[in-house]
PDB file of N, CA and C in Angstrom:
ATOM      1  N   MET A   1     111.827 125.114  99.558  1.00  0.00           N
ATOM      2  CA  MET A   1     110.517 125.445 100.092  1.00  0.00           C
ATOM      3  C   MET A   1     109.718 124.190 100.449  1.00  0.00           C
ATOM      4  N   GLY A   2     110.013 123.058  99.840  1.00  0.00           N
ATOM      5  CA  GLY A   2     109.271 121.832 100.120  1.00  0.00           C
ATOM      6  C   GLY A   2     109.429 121.380 101.555  1.00  0.00           C
ATOM      7  N   LEU A   3     110.635 121.623 102.111  1.00  0.00           N
ATOM      8  CA  LEU A   3     110.889 121.228 103.494  1.00  0.00           C
ATOM      9  C   LEU A   3     110.022 122.034 104.457  1.00  0.00           C
ATOM     10  N   PHE A   4     109.908 123.336 104.218  1.00  0.00           N
ATOM     11  CA  PHE A   4     109.109 124.185 105.100  1.00  0.00           C
ATOM     12  C   PHE A   4     107.621 123.889 104.978  1.00  0.00           C
ATOM     13  N   LYS A   5     107.166 123.627 103.758  1.00  0.00           N
ATOM     14  CA  LYS A   5     105.748 123.325 103.557  1.00  0.00           C
ATOM     15  C   LYS A   5     105.382 121.997 104.232  1.00  0.00           C
ATOM     16  N   GLY A   6     106.256 121.001 104.075  1.00  0.00           N
ATOM     17  CA  GLY A   6     106.002 119.705 104.710  1.00  0.00           C
ATOM     18  C   GLY A   6     106.043 119.789 106.220  1.00  0.00           C
ATOM     19  N   SER A   7     106.990 120.551 106.744  1.00  0.00           N
ATOM     20  CA  SER A   7     107.098 120.713 108.198  1.00  0.00           C
ATOM     21  C   SER A   7     105.891 121.458 108.748  1.00  0.00           C
ATOM     22  N   PHE A   8     105.456 122.478 108.021  1.00  0.00           N
ATOM     23  CA  PHE A   8     104.285 123.248 108.468  1.00  0.00           C
ATOM     24  C   PHE A   8     103.052 122.353 108.515  1.00  0.00           C
ATOM     25  N   THR A   9     102.865 121.541 107.484  1.00  0.00           N
ATOM     26  CA  THR A   9     101.723 120.630 107.446  1.00  0.00           C
ATOM     27  C   THR A   9     101.786 119.635 108.598  1.00  0.00           C
ATOM     28  N   LEU A  10     102.967 119.114 108.875  1.00  0.00           N
ATOM     29  CA  LEU A  10     103.141 118.170 109.974  1.00  0.00           C
ATOM     30  C   LEU A  10     102.804 118.819 111.317  1.00  0.00           C
ATOM     31  N   LEU A  11     103.304 120.029 111.536  1.00  0.00           N
ATOM     32  CA  LEU A  11     103.057 120.717 112.807  1.00  0.00           C
ATOM     33  C   LEU A  11     101.582 121.068 112.985  1.00  0.00           C
ATOM     34  N   VAL A  12     100.931 121.511 111.923  1.00  0.00           N
ATOM     35  CA  VAL A  12      99.500 121.831 112.013  1.00  0.00           C
ATOM     36  C   VAL A  12      98.704 120.560 112.298  1.00  0.00           C
ATOM     37  N   GLY A  13      99.053 119.470 111.645  1.00  0.00           N
ATOM     38  CA  GLY A  13      98.372 118.192 111.885  1.00  0.00           C
ATOM     39  C   GLY A  13      98.562 117.699 113.307  1.00  0.00           C
ATOM     40  N   MET A  14      99.786 117.815 113.811  1.00  0.00           N
ATOM     41  CA  MET A  14     100.039 117.420 115.200  1.00  0.00           C
ATOM     42  C   MET A  14      99.264 118.290 116.165  1.00  0.00           C
ATOM     43  N   GLY A  15      99.253 119.591 115.917  1.00  0.00           N
ATOM     44  CA  GLY A  15      98.513 120.504 116.791  1.00  0.00           C
ATOM     45  C   GLY A  15      97.032 120.191 116.814  1.00  0.00           C
ATOM     46  N   CYS A  16      96.458 119.939 115.644  1.00  0.00           N
ATOM     47  CA  CYS A  16      95.030 119.586 115.575  1.00  0.00           C
ATOM     48  C   CYS A  16      94.764 118.257 116.274  1.00  0.00           C
ATOM     49  N   GLY A  17      95.663 117.288 116.092  1.00  0.00           N
ATOM     50  CA  GLY A  17      95.498 115.987 116.739  1.00  0.00           C
ATOM     51  C   GLY A  17      95.548 116.074 118.250  1.00  0.00           C
ATOM     52  N   VAL A  18      96.467 116.874 118.772  1.00  0.00           N
ATOM     53  CA  VAL A  18      96.566 117.055 120.224  1.00  0.00           C
ATOM     54  C   VAL A  18      95.321 117.742 120.758  1.00  0.00           C
ATOM     55  N   TYR A  19      94.859 118.763 120.060  1.00  0.00           N
ATOM     56  CA  TYR A  19      93.654 119.481 120.491  1.00  0.00           C
ATOM     57  C   TYR A  19      92.444 118.545 120.524  1.00  0.00           C
ATOM     58  N   ILE A  20      92.277 117.758 119.466  1.00  0.00           N
ATOM     59  CA  ILE A  20      91.135 116.843 119.390  1.00  0.00           C
ATOM     60  C   ILE A  20      91.224 115.780 120.482  1.00  0.00           C
ATOM     61  N   ALA A  21      92.425 115.228 120.709  1.00  0.00           N
ATOM     62  CA  ALA A  21      92.594 114.188 121.721  1.00  0.00           C
ATOM     63  C   ALA A  21      92.303 114.706 123.128  1.00  0.00           C
ATOM     64  N   GLN A  22      92.605 115.990 123.381  1.00  0.00           N
ATOM     65  CA  GLN A  22      92.379 116.538 124.714  1.00  0.00           C
ATOM     66  C   GLN A  22      90.939 116.958 124.948  1.00  0.00           C
ATOM     67  N   ASN A  23      90.247 117.381 123.895  1.00  0.00           N
ATOM     68  CA  ASN A  23      88.934 117.982 124.085  1.00  0.00           C
ATOM     69  C   ASN A  23      87.754 117.101 123.670  1.00  0.00           C
ATOM     70  N   TYR A  24      88.023 115.996 123.032  1.00  0.00           N
ATOM     71  CA  TYR A  24      86.944 115.112 122.584  1.00  0.00           C
ATOM     72  C   TYR A  24      87.215 113.693 123.049  1.00  0.00           C
ATOM     73  N   ASN A  25      86.178 112.890 123.103  1.00  0.00           N
ATOM     74  CA  ASN A  25      86.295 111.506 123.542  1.00  0.00           C
ATOM     75  C   ASN A  25      86.713 110.642 122.354  1.00  0.00           C
ATOM     76  N   VAL A  26      88.012 110.498 122.166  1.00  0.00           N
ATOM     77  CA  VAL A  26      88.569 109.736 121.052  1.00  0.00           C
ATOM     78  C   VAL A  26      88.846 108.323 121.556  1.00  0.00           C
ATOM     79  N   PRO A  27      88.370 107.288 120.846  1.00  0.00           N
ATOM     80  CA  PRO A  27      88.597 105.915 121.311  1.00  0.00           C
ATOM     81  C   PRO A  27      90.072 105.521 121.193  1.00  0.00           C
ATOM     82  N   ASN A  28      90.476 104.600 122.048  1.00  0.00           N
ATOM     83  CA  ASN A  28      91.831 104.072 122.008  1.00  0.00           C
ATOM     84  C   ASN A  28      91.904 103.051 120.874  1.00  0.00           C
ATOM     85  N   VAL A  29      92.607 103.397 119.807  1.00  0.00           N
ATOM     86  CA  VAL A  29      92.636 102.568 118.603  1.00  0.00           C
ATOM     87  C   VAL A  29      93.335 101.241 118.863  1.00  0.00           C
ATOM     88  N   LYS A  30      94.384 101.252 119.651  1.00  0.00           N
ATOM     89  CA  LYS A  30      95.112 100.016 119.936  1.00  0.00           C
ATOM     90  C   LYS A  30      94.223  99.022 120.686  1.00  0.00           C
ATOM     91  N   LYS A  31      93.437  99.521 121.639  1.00  0.00           N
ATOM     92  CA  LYS A  31      92.534  98.653 122.400  1.00  0.00           C
ATOM     93  C   LYS A  31      91.436  98.092 121.491  1.00  0.00           C
ATOM     94  N   LEU A  32      90.877  98.934 120.613  1.00  0.00           N
ATOM     95  CA  LEU A  32      89.861  98.462 119.677  1.00  0.00           C
ATOM     96  C   LEU A  32      90.422  97.397 118.736  1.00  0.00           C
ATOM     97  N   PHE A  33      91.637  97.624 118.234  1.00  0.00           N
ATOM     98  CA  PHE A  33      92.268  96.664 117.334  1.00  0.00           C
ATOM     99  C   PHE A  33      92.470  95.324 118.024  1.00  0.00           C
ATOM    100  N   ASN A  34      92.982  95.347 119.262  1.00  0.00           N
ATOM    101  CA  ASN A  34      93.202  94.100 119.998  1.00  0.00           C
ATOM    102  C   ASN A  34      91.891  93.370 120.259  1.00  0.00           C
ATOM    103  N   THR A  35      90.817  94.109 120.516  1.00  0.00           N
ATOM    104  CA  THR A  35      89.509  93.495 120.737  1.00  0.00           C
ATOM    105  C   THR A  35      89.026  92.794 119.467  1.00  0.00           C
ATOM    106  N   TYR A  36      89.162  93.458 118.324  1.00  0.00           N
ATOM    107  CA  TYR A  36      88.720  92.853 117.063  1.00  0.00           C
ATOM    108  C   TYR A  36      89.574  91.655 116.680  1.00  0.00           C
ATOM    109  N   VAL A  37      90.866  91.685 116.963  1.00  0.00           N
ATOM    110  CA  VAL A  37      91.727  90.534 116.682  1.00  0.00           C
ATOM    111  C   VAL A  37      91.310  89.361 117.553  1.00  0.00           C
ATOM    112  N   PHE A  38      91.015  89.617 118.825  1.00  0.00           N
ATOM    113  CA  PHE A  38      90.567  88.553 119.715  1.00  0.00           C
ATOM    114  C   PHE A  38      89.257  87.945 119.233  1.00  0.00           C
ATOM    115  N   LEU A  39      88.308  88.811 118.818  1.00  0.00           N
ATOM    116  CA  LEU A  39      87.027  88.309 118.309  1.00  0.00           C
ATOM    117  C   LEU A  39      87.217  87.487 117.039  1.00  0.00           C
ATOM    118  N   ALA A  40      88.077  87.940 116.154  1.00  0.00           N
ATOM    119  CA  ALA A  40      88.325  87.210 114.912  1.00  0.00           C
ATOM    120  C   ALA A  40      88.932  85.836 115.198  1.00  0.00           C
ATOM    121  N   LYS A  41      89.880  85.768 116.132  1.00  0.00           N
ATOM    122  CA  LYS A  41      90.481  84.481 116.492  1.00  0.00           C
ATOM    123  C   LYS A  41      89.444  83.549 117.111  1.00  0.00           C
ATOM    124  N   HIS A  42      88.599  84.103 117.969  1.00  0.00           N
ATOM    125  CA  HIS A  42      87.561  83.292 118.622  1.00  0.00           C
ATOM    126  C   HIS A  42      86.579  82.731 117.586  1.00  0.00           C
ATOM    127  N   ILE A  43      86.139  83.554 116.668  1.00  0.00           N
ATOM    128  CA  ILE A  43      85.204  83.102 115.625  1.00  0.00           C
ATOM    129  C   ILE A  43      85.866  82.075 114.720  1.00  0.00           C
ATOM    130  N   GLU A  44      87.127  82.314 114.365  1.00  0.00           N
ATOM    131  CA  GLU A  44      87.836  81.386 113.486  1.00  0.00           C
ATOM    132  C   GLU A  44      88.006  80.031 114.164  1.00  0.00           C
ATOM    133  N   GLU A  45      88.327  80.007 115.453  1.00  0.00           N
ATOM    134  CA  GLU A  45      88.483  78.738 116.159  1.00  0.00           C
ATOM    135  C   GLU A  45      87.146  78.040 116.358  1.00  0.00           C
ATOM    136  N   THR A  46      86.078  78.787 116.537  1.00  0.00           N
ATOM    137  CA  THR A  46      84.762  78.207 116.758  1.00  0.00           C
ATOM    138  C   THR A  46      84.232  77.533 115.491  1.00  0.00           C
ATOM    139  N   TYR A  47      84.392  78.152 114.348  1.00  0.00           N
ATOM    140  CA  TYR A  47      83.791  77.662 113.122  1.00  0.00           C
ATOM    141  C   TYR A  47      84.779  76.958 112.192  1.00  0.00           C
ATOM    142  N   ARG A  48      85.957  76.632 112.676  1.00  0.00           N
ATOM    143  CA  ARG A  48      86.953  75.938 111.871  1.00  0.00           C
ATOM    144  C   ARG A  48      86.501  74.499 111.611  1.00  0.00           C
ATOM    145  N   LYS A  49      86.779  74.017 110.416  1.00  0.00           N
ATOM    146  CA  LYS A  49      86.469  72.619 110.112  1.00  0.00           C
ATOM    147  C   LYS A  49      87.366  71.716 110.949  1.00  0.00           C
ATOM    148  N   PRO A  50      86.823  70.587 111.407  1.00  0.00           N
ATOM    149  CA  PRO A  50      87.665  69.676 112.185  1.00  0.00           C
ATOM    150  C   PRO A  50      88.744  69.047 111.296  1.00  0.00           C
ATOM    151  N   LYS A  51      89.903  68.826 111.897  1.00  0.00           N
ATOM    152  CA  LYS A  51      91.007  68.201 111.150  1.00  0.00           C
ATOM    153  C   LYS A  51      90.713  66.735 110.922  1.00  0.00           C
ATOM    154  N   LYS A  52      91.052  66.265 109.722  1.00  0.00           N
ATOM    155  CA  LYS A  52      90.871  64.855 109.399  1.00  0.00           C
ATOM    156  C   LYS A  52      92.134  64.095 109.766  1.00  0.00           C
ATOM    157  N   ASP A  53      91.957  62.912 110.311  1.00  0.00           N
ATOM    158  CA  ASP A  53      93.105  62.060 110.644  1.00  0.00           C
ATOM    159  C   ASP A  53      93.420  61.190 109.435  1.00  0.00           C
ATOM    160  N   ASP A  54      94.535  61.485 108.755  1.00  0.00           N
ATOM    161  CA  ASP A  54      94.918  60.742 107.557  1.00  0.00           C
ATOM    162  C   ASP A  54      95.783  59.539 107.878  1.00  0.00           C
ATOM    163  N   ASP A  55      96.103  59.350 109.150  1.00  0.00           N
ATOM    164  CA  ASP A  55      96.989  58.229 109.531  1.00  0.00           C
ATOM    165  C   ASP A  55      96.278  56.915 109.479  1.00  0.00           C
TER     166      ASP A  55
END
């Protein structure tokens, strides 16, 4: 019975996800993630301490 219960939950979740994606304005998560990674890299490079020359 565990297989059927798990499959049913998966199918209901997929169905709800498809319905929500088609009928509501859901943001593109991959695009948001890439934007935040770019911002984090930019901030890190801007405020990084300068390297010391030990030579």
